[in-house]
Amino acid sequence: MSEGTVTILGINGHIGRFAAQAFVDAGWTVRGMGRTDKYAVPGVEFVKGDAESAADMQRAIGDSKVVVNALNLPYDKWFGGALEAQTARVIEAVGTAGRTLIYPGNIYN
């Protein structure tokens, strides 16, 4: 895939900020969504948003062809359907426009 625009949902986490840096280094236009710009990555356009809002994620995604879901709930929030609901919001926000969704795994998948 050639360079383009990528949105990182969860820009402040380990996966989010290091993925953002890798995309910047590869020449991509990078947007990062988070509640705060806690760990500003040079070359990343920060978009304030909340993962509880599909509309915030849609706004951050905009015209991006690639979306990295680097969101991660605290472990004690994984139960009672919260993790599944967050994933459903991401899928809703990505939509059906033929985007690539990257969803990094961890040892719990």
PDB file of N, CA and C in Angstrom:
ATOM      1  N   MET A   1       0.853  -1.175   0.000  1.00  0.00           N
ATOM      2  CA  MET A   1       0.000   0.000   0.000  1.00  0.00           C
ATOM      3  C   MET A   1       0.897   1.236   0.000  1.00  0.00           C
ATOM      4  N   SER A   2       0.561   2.189  -0.824  1.00  0.00           N
ATOM      5  CA  SER A   2       1.354   3.415  -0.884  1.00  0.00           C
ATOM      6  C   SER A   2       0.983   4.330   0.275  1.00  0.00           C
ATOM      7  N   GLU A   3       1.821   5.319   0.489  1.00  0.00           N
ATOM      8  CA  GLU A   3       1.560   6.272   1.553  1.00  0.00           C
ATOM      9  C   GLU A   3       0.229   6.960   1.323  1.00  0.00           C
ATOM     10  N   GLY A   4      -0.404   7.338   2.405  1.00  0.00           N
ATOM     11  CA  GLY A   4      -1.685   8.019   2.357  1.00  0.00           C
ATOM     12  C   GLY A   4      -1.949   8.607   3.726  1.00  0.00           C
ATOM     13  N   THR A   5      -3.197   8.593   4.130  1.00  0.00           N
ATOM     14  CA  THR A   5      -3.567   9.116   5.433  1.00  0.00           C
ATOM     15  C   THR A   5      -4.025   7.967   6.319  1.00  0.00           C
ATOM     16  N   VAL A   6      -3.521   7.948   7.531  1.00  0.00           N
ATOM     17  CA  VAL A   6      -3.875   6.940   8.523  1.00  0.00           C
ATOM     18  C   VAL A   6      -4.344   7.655   9.779  1.00  0.00           C
ATOM     19  N   THR A   7      -5.350   7.094  10.424  1.00  0.00           N
ATOM     20  CA  THR A   7      -5.804   7.596  11.714  1.00  0.00           C
ATOM     21  C   THR A   7      -5.515   6.540  12.768  1.00  0.00           C
ATOM     22  N   ILE A   8      -4.908   6.985  13.857  1.00  0.00           N
ATOM     23  CA  ILE A   8      -4.615   6.123  14.989  1.00  0.00           C
ATOM     24  C   ILE A   8      -5.622   6.455  16.086  1.00  0.00           C
ATOM     25  N   LEU A   9      -6.499   5.510  16.403  1.00  0.00           N
ATOM     26  CA  LEU A   9      -7.434   5.676  17.515  1.00  0.00           C
ATOM     27  C   LEU A   9      -6.724   5.175  18.766  1.00  0.00           C
ATOM     28  N   GLY A  10      -6.573   6.032  19.762  1.00  0.00           N
ATOM     29  CA  GLY A  10      -5.819   5.655  20.954  1.00  0.00           C
ATOM     30  C   GLY A  10      -4.362   6.060  20.821  1.00  0.00           C
ATOM     31  N   ILE A  11      -4.137   7.306  20.452  1.00  0.00           N
ATOM     32  CA  ILE A  11      -2.796   7.808  20.145  1.00  0.00           C
ATOM     33  C   ILE A  11      -1.878   7.819  21.368  1.00  0.00           C
ATOM     34  N   ASN A  12      -2.412   7.821  22.583  1.00  0.00           N
ATOM     35  CA  ASN A  12      -1.573   7.956  23.775  1.00  0.00           C
ATOM     36  C   ASN A  12      -1.020   6.646  24.320  1.00  0.00           C
ATOM     37  N   GLY A  13      -1.505   5.535  23.843  1.00  0.00           N
ATOM     38  CA  GLY A  13      -1.011   4.255  24.346  1.00  0.00           C
ATOM     39  C   GLY A  13       0.291   3.847  23.686  1.00  0.00           C
ATOM     40  N   HIS A  14       0.896   2.787  24.200  1.00  0.00           N
ATOM     41  CA  HIS A  14       2.166   2.307  23.653  1.00  0.00           C
ATOM     42  C   HIS A  14       2.026   1.957  22.174  1.00  0.00           C
ATOM     43  N   ILE A  15       1.022   1.180  21.829  1.00  0.00           N
ATOM     44  CA  ILE A  15       0.848   0.780  20.431  1.00  0.00           C
ATOM     45  C   ILE A  15       0.534   2.004  19.580  1.00  0.00           C
ATOM     46  N   GLY A  16      -0.373   2.847  20.046  1.00  0.00           N
ATOM     47  CA  GLY A  16      -0.787   4.011  19.271  1.00  0.00           C
ATOM     48  C   GLY A  16       0.342   4.958  18.941  1.00  0.00           C
ATOM     49  N   ARG A  17       1.099   5.333  19.946  1.00  0.00           N
ATOM     50  CA  ARG A  17       2.126   6.341  19.651  1.00  0.00           C
ATOM     51  C   ARG A  17       3.302   5.779  18.873  1.00  0.00           C
ATOM     52  N   PHE A  18       3.634   4.505  19.074  1.00  0.00           N
ATOM     53  CA  PHE A  18       4.731   3.931  18.299  1.00  0.00           C
ATOM     54  C   PHE A  18       4.295   3.602  16.869  1.00  0.00           C
ATOM     55  N   ALA A  19       3.035   3.218  16.692  1.00  0.00           N
ATOM     56  CA  ALA A  19       2.514   3.028  15.330  1.00  0.00           C
ATOM     57  C   ALA A  19       2.497   4.368  14.599  1.00  0.00           C
ATOM     58  N   ALA A  20       2.069   5.415  15.294  1.00  0.00           N
ATOM     59  CA  ALA A  20       2.045   6.746  14.685  1.00  0.00           C
ATOM     60  C   ALA A  20       3.441   7.155  14.232  1.00  0.00           C
ATOM     61  N   GLN A  21       4.427   6.943  15.069  1.00  0.00           N
ATOM     62  CA  GLN A  21       5.796   7.306  14.705  1.00  0.00           C
ATOM     63  C   GLN A  21       6.268   6.511  13.493  1.00  0.00           C
ATOM     64  N   ALA A  22       5.934   5.230  13.446  1.00  0.00           N
ATOM     65  CA  ALA A  22       6.336   4.398  12.300  1.00  0.00           C
ATOM     66  C   ALA A  22       5.688   4.894  11.010  1.00  0.00           C
ATOM     67  N   PHE A  23       4.409   5.268  11.070  1.00  0.00           N
ATOM     68  CA  PHE A  23       3.742   5.790   9.875  1.00  0.00           C
ATOM     69  C   PHE A  23       4.330   7.137   9.462  1.00  0.00           C
ATOM     70  N   VAL A  24       4.615   8.017  10.420  1.00  0.00           N
ATOM     71  CA  VAL A  24       5.251   9.302  10.101  1.00  0.00           C
ATOM     72  C   VAL A  24       6.583   9.043   9.406  1.00  0.00           C
ATOM     73  N   ASP A  25       7.392   8.144   9.987  1.00  0.00           N
ATOM     74  CA  ASP A  25       8.709   7.840   9.421  1.00  0.00           C
ATOM     75  C   ASP A  25       8.607   7.274   8.001  1.00  0.00           C
ATOM     76  N   ALA A  26       7.483   6.603   7.704  1.00  0.00           N
ATOM     77  CA  ALA A  26       7.286   6.012   6.378  1.00  0.00           C
ATOM     78  C   ALA A  26       6.668   6.997   5.380  1.00  0.00           C
ATOM     79  N   GLY A  27       6.425   8.237   5.830  1.00  0.00           N
ATOM     80  CA  GLY A  27       5.925   9.248   4.902  1.00  0.00           C
ATOM     81  C   GLY A  27       4.423   9.407   4.843  1.00  0.00           C
ATOM     82  N   TRP A  28       3.697   8.797   5.757  1.00  0.00           N
ATOM     83  CA  TRP A  28       2.240   8.916   5.770  1.00  0.00           C
ATOM     84  C   TRP A  28       1.811  10.221   6.427  1.00  0.00           C
ATOM     85  N   THR A  29       0.604  10.667   6.093  1.00  0.00           N
ATOM     86  CA  THR A  29      -0.070  11.722   6.834  1.00  0.00           C
ATOM     87  C   THR A  29      -0.783  11.018   7.979  1.00  0.00           C
ATOM     88  N   VAL A  30      -0.532  11.466   9.215  1.00  0.00           N
ATOM     89  CA  VAL A  30      -1.029  10.741  10.383  1.00  0.00           C
ATOM     90  C   VAL A  30      -1.890  11.644  11.253  1.00  0.00           C
ATOM     91  N   ARG A  31      -3.070  11.127  11.605  1.00  0.00           N
ATOM     92  CA  ARG A  31      -3.942  11.763  12.593  1.00  0.00           C
ATOM     93  C   ARG A  31      -3.995  10.833  13.792  1.00  0.00           C
ATOM     94  N   GLY A  32      -4.030  11.423  14.958  1.00  0.00           N
ATOM     95  CA  GLY A  32      -4.141  10.616  16.169  1.00  0.00           C
ATOM     96  C   GLY A  32      -5.259  11.125  17.040  1.00  0.00           C
ATOM     97  N   MET A  33      -6.177  10.236  17.444  1.00  0.00           N
ATOM     98  CA  MET A  33      -7.286  10.632  18.289  1.00  0.00           C
ATOM     99  C   MET A  33      -7.067  10.153  19.714  1.00  0.00           C
ATOM    100  N   GLY A  34      -7.340  11.047  20.649  1.00  0.00           N
ATOM    101  CA  GLY A  34      -7.281  10.719  22.068  1.00  0.00           C
ATOM    102  C   GLY A  34      -8.045  11.755  22.860  1.00  0.00           C
ATOM    103  N   ARG A  35      -8.214  11.472  24.149  1.00  0.00           N
ATOM    104  CA  ARG A  35      -8.889  12.449  25.010  1.00  0.00           C
ATOM    105  C   ARG A  35      -8.001  13.667  25.243  1.00  0.00           C
ATOM    106  N   THR A  36      -6.673  13.426  25.273  1.00  0.00           N
ATOM    107  CA  THR A  36      -5.699  14.508  25.451  1.00  0.00           C
ATOM    108  C   THR A  36      -4.535  14.259  24.496  1.00  0.00           C
ATOM    109  N   ASP A  37      -3.702  15.260  24.355  1.00  0.00           N
ATOM    110  CA  ASP A  37      -2.493  15.137  23.539  1.00  0.00           C
ATOM    111  C   ASP A  37      -1.302  14.887  24.476  1.00  0.00           C
ATOM    112  N   LYS A  38      -1.463  13.907  25.347  1.00  0.00           N
ATOM    113  CA  LYS A  38      -0.513  13.626  26.425  1.00  0.00           C
ATOM    114  C   LYS A  38       0.905  13.355  25.935  1.00  0.00           C
ATOM    115  N   TYR A  39       1.031  12.578  24.881  1.00  0.00           N
ATOM    116  CA  TYR A  39       2.346  12.231  24.340  1.00  0.00           C
ATOM    117  C   TYR A  39       2.406  12.688  22.880  1.00  0.00           C
ATOM    118  N   ALA A  40       2.508  13.977  22.668  1.00  0.00           N
ATOM    119  CA  ALA A  40       2.503  14.520  21.306  1.00  0.00           C
ATOM    120  C   ALA A  40       3.615  13.880  20.477  1.00  0.00           C
ATOM    121  N   VAL A  41       3.250  13.384  19.318  1.00  0.00           N
ATOM    122  CA  VAL A  41       4.208  12.793  18.389  1.00  0.00           C
ATOM    123  C   VAL A  41       4.423  13.806  17.267  1.00  0.00           C
ATOM    124  N   PRO A  42       5.659  14.263  17.065  1.00  0.00           N
ATOM    125  CA  PRO A  42       5.913  15.227  15.990  1.00  0.00           C
ATOM    126  C   PRO A  42       5.441  14.682  14.640  1.00  0.00           C
ATOM    127  N   GLY A  43       4.733  15.534  13.905  1.00  0.00           N
ATOM    128  CA  GLY A  43       4.228  15.136  12.597  1.00  0.00           C
ATOM    129  C   GLY A  43       2.842  14.538  12.615  1.00  0.00           C
ATOM    130  N   VAL A  44       2.238  14.420  13.803  1.00  0.00           N
ATOM    131  CA  VAL A  44       0.895  13.851  13.925  1.00  0.00           C
ATOM    132  C   VAL A  44      -0.096  14.960  14.228  1.00  0.00           C
ATOM    133  N   GLU A  45      -1.170  15.003  13.442  1.00  0.00           N
ATOM    134  CA  GLU A  45      -2.269  15.933  13.699  1.00  0.00           C
ATOM    135  C   GLU A  45      -3.121  15.336  14.805  1.00  0.00           C
ATOM    136  N   PHE A  46      -3.209  16.005  15.942  1.00  0.00           N
ATOM    137  CA  PHE A  46      -4.007  15.507  17.064  1.00  0.00           C
ATOM    138  C   PHE A  46      -5.462  15.898  16.884  1.00  0.00           C
ATOM    139  N   VAL A  47      -6.360  14.936  17.128  1.00  0.00           N
ATOM    140  CA  VAL A  47      -7.797  15.177  17.091  1.00  0.00           C
ATOM    141  C   VAL A  47      -8.356  14.758  18.448  1.00  0.00           C
ATOM    142  N   LYS A  48      -8.919  15.698  19.168  1.00  0.00           N
ATOM    143  CA  LYS A  48      -9.509  15.398  20.473  1.00  0.00           C
ATOM    144  C   LYS A  48     -10.791  14.598  20.267  1.00  0.00           C
ATOM    145  N   GLY A  49     -10.907  13.498  20.986  1.00  0.00           N
ATOM    146  CA  GLY A  49     -12.098  12.680  20.871  1.00  0.00           C
ATOM    147  C   GLY A  49     -12.135  11.622  21.953  1.00  0.00           C
ATOM    148  N   ASP A  50     -13.283  11.002  22.073  1.00  0.00           N
ATOM    149  CA  ASP A  50     -13.518   9.993  23.097  1.00  0.00           C
ATOM    150  C   ASP A  50     -13.960   8.698  22.428  1.00  0.00           C
ATOM    151  N   ALA A  51     -13.383   7.597  22.833  1.00  0.00           N
ATOM    152  CA  ALA A  51     -13.715   6.298  22.259  1.00  0.00           C
ATOM    153  C   ALA A  51     -15.126   5.838  22.594  1.00  0.00           C
ATOM    154  N   GLU A  52     -15.791   6.540  23.493  1.00  0.00           N
ATOM    155  CA  GLU A  52     -17.190   6.235  23.785  1.00  0.00           C
ATOM    156  C   GLU A  52     -18.115   6.798  22.702  1.00  0.00           C
ATOM    157  N   SER A  53     -17.563   7.573  21.787  1.00  0.00           N
ATOM    158  CA  SER A  53     -18.360   8.250  20.766  1.00  0.00           C
ATOM    159  C   SER A  53     -17.940   7.823  19.358  1.00  0.00           C
ATOM    160  N   ALA A  54     -18.828   7.110  18.664  1.00  0.00           N
ATOM    161  CA  ALA A  54     -18.556   6.749  17.269  1.00  0.00           C
ATOM    162  C   ALA A  54     -18.435   8.007  16.420  1.00  0.00           C
ATOM    163  N   ALA A  55     -19.203   9.048  16.748  1.00  0.00           N
ATOM    164  CA  ALA A  55     -19.132  10.308  15.996  1.00  0.00           C
ATOM    165  C   ALA A  55     -17.757  10.957  16.134  1.00  0.00           C
ATOM    166  N   ASP A  56     -17.171  10.928  17.335  1.00  0.00           N
ATOM    167  CA  ASP A  56     -15.817  11.465  17.514  1.00  0.00           C
ATOM    168  C   ASP A  56     -14.821  10.689  16.659  1.00  0.00           C
ATOM    169  N   MET A  57     -14.964   9.371  16.648  1.00  0.00           N
ATOM    170  CA  MET A  57     -14.048   8.551  15.851  1.00  0.00           C
ATOM    171  C   MET A  57     -14.236   8.818  14.364  1.00  0.00           C
ATOM    172  N   GLN A  58     -15.488   8.951  13.903  1.00  0.00           N
ATOM    173  CA  GLN A  58     -15.750   9.257  12.489  1.00  0.00           C
ATOM    174  C   GLN A  58     -15.110  10.577  12.099  1.00  0.00           C
ATOM    175  N   ARG A  59     -15.210  11.566  12.974  1.00  0.00           N
ATOM    176  CA  ARG A  59     -14.614  12.876  12.714  1.00  0.00           C
ATOM    177  C   ARG A  59     -13.097  12.748  12.603  1.00  0.00           C
ATOM    178  N   ALA A  60     -12.497  11.968  13.495  1.00  0.00           N
ATOM    179  CA  ALA A  60     -11.043  11.781  13.455  1.00  0.00           C
ATOM    180  C   ALA A  60     -10.614  11.015  12.202  1.00  0.00           C
ATOM    181  N   ILE A  61     -11.383  10.018  11.828  1.00  0.00           N
ATOM    182  CA  ILE A  61     -11.047   9.182  10.666  1.00  0.00           C
ATOM    183  C   ILE A  61     -11.131   9.989   9.376  1.00  0.00           C
ATOM    184  N   GLY A  62     -12.175  10.792   9.241  1.00  0.00           N
ATOM    185  CA  GLY A  62     -12.318  11.619   8.041  1.00  0.00           C
ATOM    186  C   GLY A  62     -12.123  10.827   6.771  1.00  0.00           C
ATOM    187  N   ASP A  63     -11.140  11.218   5.957  1.00  0.00           N
ATOM    188  CA  ASP A  63     -10.899  10.566   4.672  1.00  0.00           C
ATOM    189  C   ASP A  63      -9.772   9.528   4.730  1.00  0.00           C
ATOM    190  N   SER A  64      -9.355   9.150   5.917  1.00  0.00           N
ATOM    191  CA  SER A  64      -8.272   8.159   6.049  1.00  0.00           C
ATOM    192  C   SER A  64      -8.655   6.839   5.396  1.00  0.00           C
ATOM    193  N   LYS A  65      -7.704   6.269   4.709  1.00  0.00           N
ATOM    194  CA  LYS A  65      -7.920   4.961   4.085  1.00  0.00           C
ATOM    195  C   LYS A  65      -7.509   3.824   5.015  1.00  0.00           C
ATOM    196  N   VAL A  66      -6.708   4.154   6.049  1.00  0.00           N
ATOM    197  CA  VAL A  66      -6.248   3.160   7.013  1.00  0.00           C
ATOM    198  C   VAL A  66      -6.555   3.677   8.410  1.00  0.00           C
ATOM    199  N   VAL A  67      -7.064   2.791   9.259  1.00  0.00           N
ATOM    200  CA  VAL A  67      -7.377   3.119  10.648  1.00  0.00           C
ATOM    201  C   VAL A  67      -6.710   2.076  11.535  1.00  0.00           C
ATOM    202  N   VAL A  68      -5.976   2.546  12.531  1.00  0.00           N
ATOM    203  CA  VAL A  68      -5.373   1.643  13.513  1.00  0.00           C
ATOM    204  C   VAL A  68      -6.186   1.752  14.795  1.00  0.00           C
ATOM    205  N   ASN A  69      -6.775   0.643  15.220  1.00  0.00           N
ATOM    206  CA  ASN A  69      -7.520   0.612  16.475  1.00  0.00           C
ATOM    207  C   ASN A  69      -6.539   0.250  17.588  1.00  0.00           C
ATOM    208  N   ALA A  70      -5.962   1.287  18.194  1.00  0.00           N
ATOM    209  CA  ALA A  70      -5.022   1.079  19.292  1.00  0.00           C
ATOM    210  C   ALA A  70      -5.681   1.389  20.634  1.00  0.00           C
ATOM    211  N   LEU A  71      -7.003   1.359  20.659  1.00  0.00           N
ATOM    212  CA  LEU A  71      -7.736   1.603  21.892  1.00  0.00           C
ATOM    213  C   LEU A  71      -7.593   0.395  22.811  1.00  0.00           C
ATOM    214  N   ASN A  72      -7.543   0.652  24.088  1.00  0.00           N
ATOM    215  CA  ASN A  72      -7.463  -0.449  25.040  1.00  0.00           C
ATOM    216  C   ASN A  72      -8.104  -0.014  26.348  1.00  0.00           C
ATOM    217  N   LEU A  73      -9.141  -0.720  26.724  1.00  0.00           N
ATOM    218  CA  LEU A  73      -9.788  -0.438  28.002  1.00  0.00           C
ATOM    219  C   LEU A  73      -8.914  -0.946  29.141  1.00  0.00           C
ATOM    220  N   PRO A  74      -8.971  -0.295  30.299  1.00  0.00           N
ATOM    221  CA  PRO A  74      -8.299  -0.864  31.461  1.00  0.00           C
ATOM    222  C   PRO A  74      -8.853  -2.274  31.724  1.00  0.00           C
ATOM    223  N   TYR A  75      -8.001  -3.146  32.201  1.00  0.00           N
ATOM    224  CA  TYR A  75      -8.365  -4.560  32.361  1.00  0.00           C
ATOM    225  C   TYR A  75      -9.678  -4.746  33.123  1.00  0.00           C
ATOM    226  N   ASP A  76      -9.901  -3.960  34.176  1.00  0.00           N
ATOM    227  CA  ASP A  76     -11.116  -4.139  34.976  1.00  0.00           C
ATOM    228  C   ASP A  76     -12.383  -3.694  34.247  1.00  0.00           C
ATOM    229  N   LYS A  77     -12.238  -3.103  33.067  1.00  0.00           N
ATOM    230  CA  LYS A  77     -13.394  -2.651  32.269  1.00  0.00           C
ATOM    231  C   LYS A  77     -13.694  -3.591  31.094  1.00  0.00           C
ATOM    232  N   TRP A  78     -12.974  -4.696  31.000  1.00  0.00           N
ATOM    233  CA  TRP A  78     -13.128  -5.595  29.857  1.00  0.00           C
ATOM    234  C   TRP A  78     -14.412  -6.425  29.896  1.00  0.00           C
ATOM    235  N   PHE A  79     -15.090  -6.439  31.003  1.00  0.00           N
ATOM    236  CA  PHE A  79     -16.181  -7.388  31.194  1.00  0.00           C
ATOM    237  C   PHE A  79     -17.539  -6.718  31.036  1.00  0.00           C
ATOM    238  N   GLY A  80     -18.589  -7.524  30.981  1.00  0.00           N
ATOM    239  CA  GLY A  80     -19.939  -6.992  30.872  1.00  0.00           C
ATOM    240  C   GLY A  80     -20.248  -6.390  29.509  1.00  0.00           C
ATOM    241  N   GLY A  81     -19.468  -6.767  28.501  1.00  0.00           N
ATOM    242  CA  GLY A  81     -19.740  -6.317  27.150  1.00  0.00           C
ATOM    243  C   GLY A  81     -19.078  -5.006  26.755  1.00  0.00           C
ATOM    244  N   ALA A  82     -18.303  -4.384  27.646  1.00  0.00           N
ATOM    245  CA  ALA A  82     -17.690  -3.083  27.339  1.00  0.00           C
ATOM    246  C   ALA A  82     -16.689  -3.184  26.187  1.00  0.00           C
ATOM    247  N   LEU A  83     -15.883  -4.226  26.190  1.00  0.00           N
ATOM    248  CA  LEU A  83     -14.885  -4.386  25.126  1.00  0.00           C
ATOM    249  C   LEU A  83     -15.574  -4.607  23.777  1.00  0.00           C
ATOM    250  N   GLU A  84     -16.609  -5.427  23.778  1.00  0.00           N
ATOM    251  CA  GLU A  84     -17.357  -5.677  22.539  1.00  0.00           C
ATOM    252  C   GLU A  84     -18.058  -4.409  22.053  1.00  0.00           C
ATOM    253  N   ALA A  85     -18.590  -3.619  22.989  1.00  0.00           N
ATOM    254  CA  ALA A  85     -19.259  -2.368  22.617  1.00  0.00           C
ATOM    255  C   ALA A  85     -18.261  -1.382  22.012  1.00  0.00           C
ATOM    256  N   GLN A  86     -17.057  -1.309  22.579  1.00  0.00           N
ATOM    257  CA  GLN A  86     -16.039  -0.424  22.024  1.00  0.00           C
ATOM    258  C   GLN A  86     -15.661  -0.855  20.608  1.00  0.00           C
ATOM    259  N   THR A  87     -15.488  -2.151  20.409  1.00  0.00           N
ATOM    260  CA  THR A  87     -15.156  -2.668  19.082  1.00  0.00           C
ATOM    261  C   THR A  87     -16.274  -2.360  18.090  1.00  0.00           C
ATOM    262  N   ALA A  88     -17.517  -2.489  18.520  1.00  0.00           N
ATOM    263  CA  ALA A  88     -18.657  -2.182  17.652  1.00  0.00           C
ATOM    264  C   ALA A  88     -18.655  -0.705  17.256  1.00  0.00           C
ATOM    265  N   ARG A  89     -18.298   0.187  18.187  1.00  0.00           N
ATOM    266  CA  ARG A  89     -18.229   1.621  17.860  1.00  0.00           C
ATOM    267  C   ARG A  89     -17.134   1.888  16.835  1.00  0.00           C
ATOM    268  N   VAL A  90     -16.004   1.210  16.987  1.00  0.00           N
ATOM    269  CA  VAL A  90     -14.916   1.388  16.017  1.00  0.00           C
ATOM    270  C   VAL A  90     -15.380   0.940  14.631  1.00  0.00           C
ATOM    271  N   ILE A  91     -16.013  -0.214  14.549  1.00  0.00           N
ATOM    272  CA  ILE A  91     -16.491  -0.732  13.267  1.00  0.00           C
ATOM    273  C   ILE A  91     -17.527   0.229  12.660  1.00  0.00           C
ATOM    274  N   GLU A  92     -18.414   0.759  13.489  1.00  0.00           N
ATOM    275  CA  GLU A  92     -19.389   1.737  13.005  1.00  0.00           C
ATOM    276  C   GLU A  92     -18.675   2.970  12.461  1.00  0.00           C
ATOM    277  N   ALA A  93     -17.670   3.454  13.176  1.00  0.00           N
ATOM    278  CA  ALA A  93     -16.954   4.656  12.760  1.00  0.00           C
ATOM    279  C   ALA A  93     -16.169   4.435  11.474  1.00  0.00           C
ATOM    280  N   VAL A  94     -15.587   3.265  11.312  1.00  0.00           N
ATOM    281  CA  VAL A  94     -14.820   2.956  10.097  1.00  0.00           C
ATOM    282  C   VAL A  94     -15.754   2.917   8.895  1.00  0.00           C
ATOM    283  N   GLY A  95     -16.947   2.396   9.082  1.00  0.00           N
ATOM    284  CA  GLY A  95     -17.944   2.392   8.015  1.00  0.00           C
ATOM    285  C   GLY A  95     -17.665   1.354   6.945  1.00  0.00           C
ATOM    286  N   THR A  96     -18.266   1.565   5.798  1.00  0.00           N
ATOM    287  CA  THR A  96     -18.199   0.595   4.703  1.00  0.00           C
ATOM    288  C   THR A  96     -17.522   1.168   3.471  1.00  0.00           C
ATOM    289  N   ALA A  97     -16.624   2.118   3.659  1.00  0.00           N
ATOM    290  CA  ALA A  97     -15.988   2.813   2.533  1.00  0.00           C
ATOM    291  C   ALA A  97     -14.732   2.103   2.024  1.00  0.00           C
ATOM    292  N   GLY A  98     -14.520   0.857   2.399  1.00  0.00           N
ATOM    293  CA  GLY A  98     -13.366   0.121   1.889  1.00  0.00           C
ATOM    294  C   GLY A  98     -12.058   0.463   2.577  1.00  0.00           C
ATOM    295  N   ARG A  99     -12.128   0.937   3.804  1.00  0.00           N
ATOM    296  CA  ARG A  99     -10.906   1.252   4.555  1.00  0.00           C
ATOM    297  C   ARG A  99     -10.259  -0.028   5.070  1.00  0.00           C
ATOM    298  N   THR A 100      -8.980   0.082   5.377  1.00  0.00           N
ATOM    299  CA  THR A 100      -8.269  -1.002   6.041  1.00  0.00           C
ATOM    300  C   THR A 100      -8.260  -0.705   7.531  1.00  0.00           C
ATOM    301  N   LEU A 101      -8.715  -1.661   8.338  1.00  0.00           N
ATOM    302  CA  LEU A 101      -8.711  -1.539   9.790  1.00  0.00           C
ATOM    303  C   LEU A 101      -7.629  -2.449  10.340  1.00  0.00           C
ATOM    304  N   ILE A 102      -6.678  -1.863  11.042  1.00  0.00           N
ATOM    305  CA  ILE A 102      -5.618  -2.631  11.676  1.00  0.00           C
ATOM    306  C   ILE A 102      -5.964  -2.723  13.164  1.00  0.00           C
ATOM    307  N   TYR A 103      -6.029  -3.951  13.644  1.00  0.00           N
ATOM    308  CA  TYR A 103      -6.414  -4.185  15.036  1.00  0.00           C
ATOM    309  C   TYR A 103      -5.339  -5.055  15.670  1.00  0.00           C
ATOM    310  N   PRO A 104      -4.336  -4.407  16.300  1.00  0.00           N
ATOM    311  CA  PRO A 104      -3.245  -5.198  16.867  1.00  0.00           C
ATOM    312  C   PRO A 104      -3.746  -6.077  17.999  1.00  0.00           C
ATOM    313  N   GLY A 105      -3.252  -7.285  18.039  1.00  0.00           N
ATOM    314  CA  GLY A 105      -3.629  -8.215  19.090  1.00  0.00           C
ATOM    315  C   GLY A 105      -2.707  -8.124  20.284  1.00  0.00           C
ATOM    316  N   ASN A 106      -3.118  -8.774  21.330  1.00  0.00           N
ATOM    317  CA  ASN A 106      -2.261  -8.913  22.511  1.00  0.00           C
ATOM    318  C   ASN A 106      -2.397 -10.338  23.018  1.00  0.00           C
ATOM    319  N   ILE A 107      -1.838 -10.632  24.133  1.00  0.00           N
ATOM    320  CA  ILE A 107      -1.859 -12.014  24.623  1.00  0.00           C
ATOM    321  C   ILE A 107      -3.246 -12.480  25.019  1.00  0.00           C
ATOM    322  N   TYR A 108      -4.203 -11.554  25.148  1.00  0.00           N
ATOM    323  CA  TYR A 108      -5.551 -11.925  25.591  1.00  0.00           C
ATOM    324  C   TYR A 108      -6.491 -12.275  24.450  1.00  0.00           C
ATOM    325  N   ASN A 109      -6.130 -12.005  23.201  1.00  0.00           N
ATOM    326  CA  ASN A 109      -7.049 -12.272  22.084  1.00  0.00           C
ATOM    327  C   ASN A 109      -7.268 -13.749  21.937  1.00  0.00           C
TER     328      ASN A 109
END
